[in-house]
Amino acid sequence: MAVSGVHDVLVVDRMLPGLDGLGLVRTLRGAGVKAPVLFLTALRGVGDRVQGLEAGGDDYLVKPFAFAELLERSHVDWKYPEFRR
């Protein structure tokens, strides 16, 4: 669905059952999906965050999180459409 649809933002967990979120995002980017990707995960190390961004993520938010922050971060594409991939 993520490959065939049009999305404002994709919220992806790094620890998906049966699939790593990094691999999912790499696959989506390879398929030409340009929607912004926000990783939302419990993996909080600097290396984890860098890996998420290198895999094609646009932002990275660590659990636990404040919903207000998630909402604001999800609006970044609407604020700065020139940065859309």
N, C-alpha and C. Protein backbone atom coordinates (compact mmCIF):
# COMPACT_ATOMS: atom_id res chain seq x y z
N MET A 1 0.82 -1.19 0.00
CA MET A 1 0.00 0.00 0.00
C MET A 1 0.86 1.26 0.00
N ALA A 2 1.96 1.25 0.75
CA ALA A 2 2.81 2.44 0.81
C ALA A 2 3.42 2.76 -0.55
N VAL A 3 3.68 1.74 -1.36
CA VAL A 3 4.29 1.95 -2.67
C VAL A 3 3.27 2.48 -3.66
N SER A 4 2.04 2.02 -3.59
CA SER A 4 1.05 2.37 -4.60
C SER A 4 0.22 3.61 -4.27
N GLY A 5 0.22 4.03 -3.03
CA GLY A 5 -0.62 5.15 -2.63
C GLY A 5 0.13 6.46 -2.57
N VAL A 6 -0.62 7.54 -2.35
CA VAL A 6 -0.04 8.86 -2.14
C VAL A 6 -0.23 9.20 -0.67
N HIS A 7 0.87 9.55 0.00
CA HIS A 7 0.83 9.78 1.44
C HIS A 7 1.45 11.12 1.79
N ASP A 8 0.90 11.77 2.81
CA ASP A 8 1.48 13.01 3.30
C ASP A 8 2.74 12.73 4.11
N VAL A 9 2.72 11.67 4.90
CA VAL A 9 3.87 11.28 5.72
C VAL A 9 3.71 9.80 6.07
N LEU A 10 4.84 9.11 6.16
CA LEU A 10 4.85 7.71 6.59
C LEU A 10 5.54 7.65 7.95
N VAL A 11 4.86 7.07 8.93
CA VAL A 11 5.42 6.88 10.27
C VAL A 11 5.81 5.41 10.36
N VAL A 12 7.10 5.14 10.55
CA VAL A 12 7.63 3.78 10.50
C VAL A 12 8.39 3.47 11.77
N ASP A 13 8.15 2.27 12.31
CA ASP A 13 8.90 1.79 13.47
C ASP A 13 10.12 1.03 12.97
N ARG A 14 11.23 1.15 13.65
CA ARG A 14 12.44 0.40 13.29
C ARG A 14 12.28 -1.08 13.54
N MET A 15 11.48 -1.46 14.52
CA MET A 15 11.37 -2.86 14.93
C MET A 15 10.01 -3.43 14.53
N LEU A 16 9.79 -3.60 13.25
CA LEU A 16 8.55 -4.19 12.76
C LEU A 16 8.62 -5.71 12.86
N PRO A 17 7.50 -6.36 13.10
CA PRO A 17 7.53 -7.83 13.16
C PRO A 17 7.83 -8.42 11.79
N GLY A 18 8.92 -9.17 11.71
CA GLY A 18 9.29 -9.84 10.47
C GLY A 18 9.99 -8.97 9.45
N LEU A 19 10.13 -7.68 9.74
CA LEU A 19 10.76 -6.77 8.79
C LEU A 19 11.39 -5.62 9.55
N ASP A 20 12.58 -5.25 9.16
CA ASP A 20 13.24 -4.11 9.77
C ASP A 20 12.76 -2.84 9.09
N GLY A 21 12.45 -1.82 9.88
CA GLY A 21 11.98 -0.56 9.31
C GLY A 21 12.98 0.08 8.36
N LEU A 22 14.28 -0.12 8.61
CA LEU A 22 15.30 0.42 7.70
C LEU A 22 15.15 -0.19 6.31
N GLY A 23 14.98 -1.51 6.27
CA GLY A 23 14.80 -2.19 4.99
C GLY A 23 13.54 -1.75 4.28
N LEU A 24 12.49 -1.54 5.04
CA LEU A 24 11.23 -1.07 4.46
C LEU A 24 11.43 0.28 3.79
N VAL A 25 12.07 1.20 4.50
CA VAL A 25 12.26 2.55 3.95
C VAL A 25 13.19 2.51 2.74
N ARG A 26 14.24 1.71 2.79
CA ARG A 26 15.12 1.58 1.62
C ARG A 26 14.34 1.06 0.41
N THR A 27 13.48 0.08 0.64
CA THR A 27 12.65 -0.47 -0.44
C THR A 27 11.72 0.59 -1.00
N LEU A 28 11.08 1.35 -0.12
CA LEU A 28 10.17 2.40 -0.57
C LEU A 28 10.91 3.47 -1.37
N ARG A 29 12.07 3.89 -0.88
CA ARG A 29 12.85 4.90 -1.61
C ARG A 29 13.30 4.35 -2.96
N GLY A 30 13.70 3.08 -2.99
CA GLY A 30 14.11 2.45 -4.24
C GLY A 30 12.98 2.35 -5.23
N ALA A 31 11.74 2.27 -4.74
CA ALA A 31 10.55 2.20 -5.60
C ALA A 31 10.06 3.59 -6.00
N GLY A 32 10.77 4.62 -5.55
CA GLY A 32 10.41 5.98 -5.94
C GLY A 32 9.43 6.68 -5.03
N VAL A 33 9.14 6.12 -3.87
CA VAL A 33 8.22 6.77 -2.93
C VAL A 33 8.91 8.01 -2.36
N LYS A 34 8.27 9.16 -2.52
CA LYS A 34 8.87 10.42 -2.11
C LYS A 34 8.25 10.99 -0.84
N ALA A 35 7.26 10.33 -0.28
CA ALA A 35 6.61 10.83 0.94
C ALA A 35 7.63 10.92 2.06
N PRO A 36 7.53 11.94 2.90
CA PRO A 36 8.43 12.05 4.04
C PRO A 36 8.25 10.84 4.98
N VAL A 37 9.35 10.38 5.53
CA VAL A 37 9.34 9.24 6.45
C VAL A 37 9.82 9.72 7.82
N LEU A 38 9.01 9.45 8.83
CA LEU A 38 9.38 9.75 10.20
C LEU A 38 9.49 8.42 10.93
N PHE A 39 10.69 8.10 11.41
CA PHE A 39 10.87 6.91 12.23
C PHE A 39 10.37 7.22 13.63
N LEU A 40 9.56 6.32 14.17
CA LEU A 40 9.06 6.43 15.54
C LEU A 40 9.41 5.11 16.22
N THR A 41 10.39 5.13 17.13
CA THR A 41 10.95 3.88 17.61
C THR A 41 11.53 4.00 19.01
N ALA A 42 11.76 2.85 19.62
CA ALA A 42 12.40 2.81 20.94
C ALA A 42 13.92 2.80 20.82
N LEU A 43 14.45 2.59 19.63
CA LEU A 43 15.91 2.59 19.44
C LEU A 43 16.40 4.02 19.48
N ARG A 44 17.14 4.35 20.53
CA ARG A 44 17.43 5.76 20.80
C ARG A 44 18.88 6.18 20.65
N GLY A 45 19.77 5.25 20.36
CA GLY A 45 21.18 5.60 20.26
C GLY A 45 21.47 6.50 19.06
N VAL A 46 22.56 7.25 19.16
CA VAL A 46 22.95 8.13 18.05
C VAL A 46 23.14 7.31 16.77
N GLY A 47 23.80 6.16 16.88
CA GLY A 47 24.00 5.30 15.72
C GLY A 47 22.69 4.84 15.11
N ASP A 48 21.70 4.54 15.95
CA ASP A 48 20.38 4.13 15.47
C ASP A 48 19.72 5.25 14.69
N ARG A 49 19.81 6.45 15.21
CA ARG A 49 19.20 7.60 14.54
C ARG A 49 19.89 7.89 13.22
N VAL A 50 21.21 7.82 13.20
CA VAL A 50 21.96 8.06 11.96
C VAL A 50 21.59 7.01 10.92
N GLN A 51 21.49 5.74 11.34
CA GLN A 51 21.10 4.68 10.40
C GLN A 51 19.72 4.97 9.80
N GLY A 52 18.80 5.42 10.61
CA GLY A 52 17.47 5.74 10.10
C GLY A 52 17.48 6.84 9.07
N LEU A 53 18.26 7.87 9.32
CA LEU A 53 18.35 8.97 8.38
C LEU A 53 19.08 8.54 7.11
N GLU A 54 20.13 7.74 7.26
CA GLU A 54 20.87 7.26 6.09
C GLU A 54 20.03 6.32 5.24
N ALA A 55 19.09 5.62 5.85
CA ALA A 55 18.23 4.69 5.11
C ALA A 55 17.17 5.42 4.28
N GLY A 56 17.04 6.73 4.51
CA GLY A 56 16.06 7.50 3.75
C GLY A 56 15.00 8.16 4.60
N GLY A 57 15.12 8.02 5.92
CA GLY A 57 14.18 8.70 6.81
C GLY A 57 14.43 10.20 6.82
N ASP A 58 13.39 10.95 7.02
CA ASP A 58 13.50 12.40 7.06
C ASP A 58 13.56 12.95 8.47
N ASP A 59 13.08 12.15 9.43
CA ASP A 59 13.09 12.55 10.83
C ASP A 59 13.07 11.29 11.67
N TYR A 60 13.36 11.44 12.95
CA TYR A 60 13.50 10.30 13.86
C TYR A 60 13.04 10.74 15.23
N LEU A 61 12.02 10.08 15.75
CA LEU A 61 11.47 10.42 17.05
C LEU A 61 11.52 9.18 17.94
N VAL A 62 12.02 9.34 19.15
CA VAL A 62 12.23 8.22 20.06
C VAL A 62 11.05 8.08 21.02
N LYS A 63 10.64 6.82 21.26
CA LYS A 63 9.60 6.51 22.26
C LYS A 63 10.22 6.54 23.64
N PRO A 64 9.53 6.92 24.67
CA PRO A 64 8.19 7.50 24.63
C PRO A 64 8.24 8.91 24.06
N PHE A 65 7.15 9.34 23.51
CA PHE A 65 7.11 10.64 22.85
C PHE A 65 5.85 11.38 23.24
N ALA A 66 5.85 12.67 23.03
CA ALA A 66 4.66 13.49 23.24
C ALA A 66 3.91 13.57 21.92
N PHE A 67 2.61 13.30 21.95
CA PHE A 67 1.82 13.32 20.73
C PHE A 67 1.93 14.68 20.02
N ALA A 68 1.97 15.76 20.78
CA ALA A 68 2.07 17.09 20.17
C ALA A 68 3.34 17.22 19.34
N GLU A 69 4.43 16.61 19.81
CA GLU A 69 5.69 16.65 19.05
C GLU A 69 5.57 15.82 17.77
N LEU A 70 4.98 14.63 17.87
CA LEU A 70 4.77 13.81 16.68
C LEU A 70 3.93 14.56 15.65
N LEU A 71 2.88 15.18 16.10
CA LEU A 71 2.00 15.92 15.19
C LEU A 71 2.76 17.05 14.51
N GLU A 72 3.53 17.80 15.25
CA GLU A 72 4.29 18.92 14.67
C GLU A 72 5.34 18.42 13.69
N ARG A 73 6.04 17.35 14.04
CA ARG A 73 7.05 16.81 13.14
C ARG A 73 6.42 16.27 11.86
N SER A 74 5.20 15.76 11.94
CA SER A 74 4.54 15.24 10.75
C SER A 74 4.11 16.35 9.80
N HIS A 75 4.05 17.57 10.27
CA HIS A 75 3.66 18.71 9.43
C HIS A 75 4.83 19.34 8.69
N VAL A 76 6.02 18.88 8.91
CA VAL A 76 7.19 19.53 8.31
C VAL A 76 7.10 19.58 6.79
N ASP A 77 6.56 18.56 6.17
CA ASP A 77 6.45 18.56 4.71
C ASP A 77 5.50 19.64 4.22
N TRP A 78 4.47 19.93 5.01
CA TRP A 78 3.55 20.98 4.62
C TRP A 78 4.17 22.35 4.76
N LYS A 79 5.08 22.49 5.71
CA LYS A 79 5.75 23.77 5.92
C LYS A 79 6.83 24.04 4.89
N TYR A 80 7.56 22.98 4.49
CA TYR A 80 8.71 23.14 3.62
C TYR A 80 8.64 22.16 2.43
N PRO A 81 7.67 22.35 1.55
CA PRO A 81 7.52 21.39 0.43
C PRO A 81 8.73 21.34 -0.49
N GLU A 82 9.56 22.36 -0.48
CA GLU A 82 10.75 22.35 -1.34
C GLU A 82 11.76 21.30 -0.92
N PHE A 83 11.63 20.77 0.31
CA PHE A 83 12.55 19.74 0.78
C PHE A 83 12.04 18.35 0.50
N ARG A 84 10.87 18.24 -0.09
CA ARG A 84 10.30 16.91 -0.37
C ARG A 84 11.20 16.18 -1.35
N ARG A 85 11.47 14.92 -1.04
CA ARG A 85 12.35 14.11 -1.91
C ARG A 85 11.77 13.92 -3.28
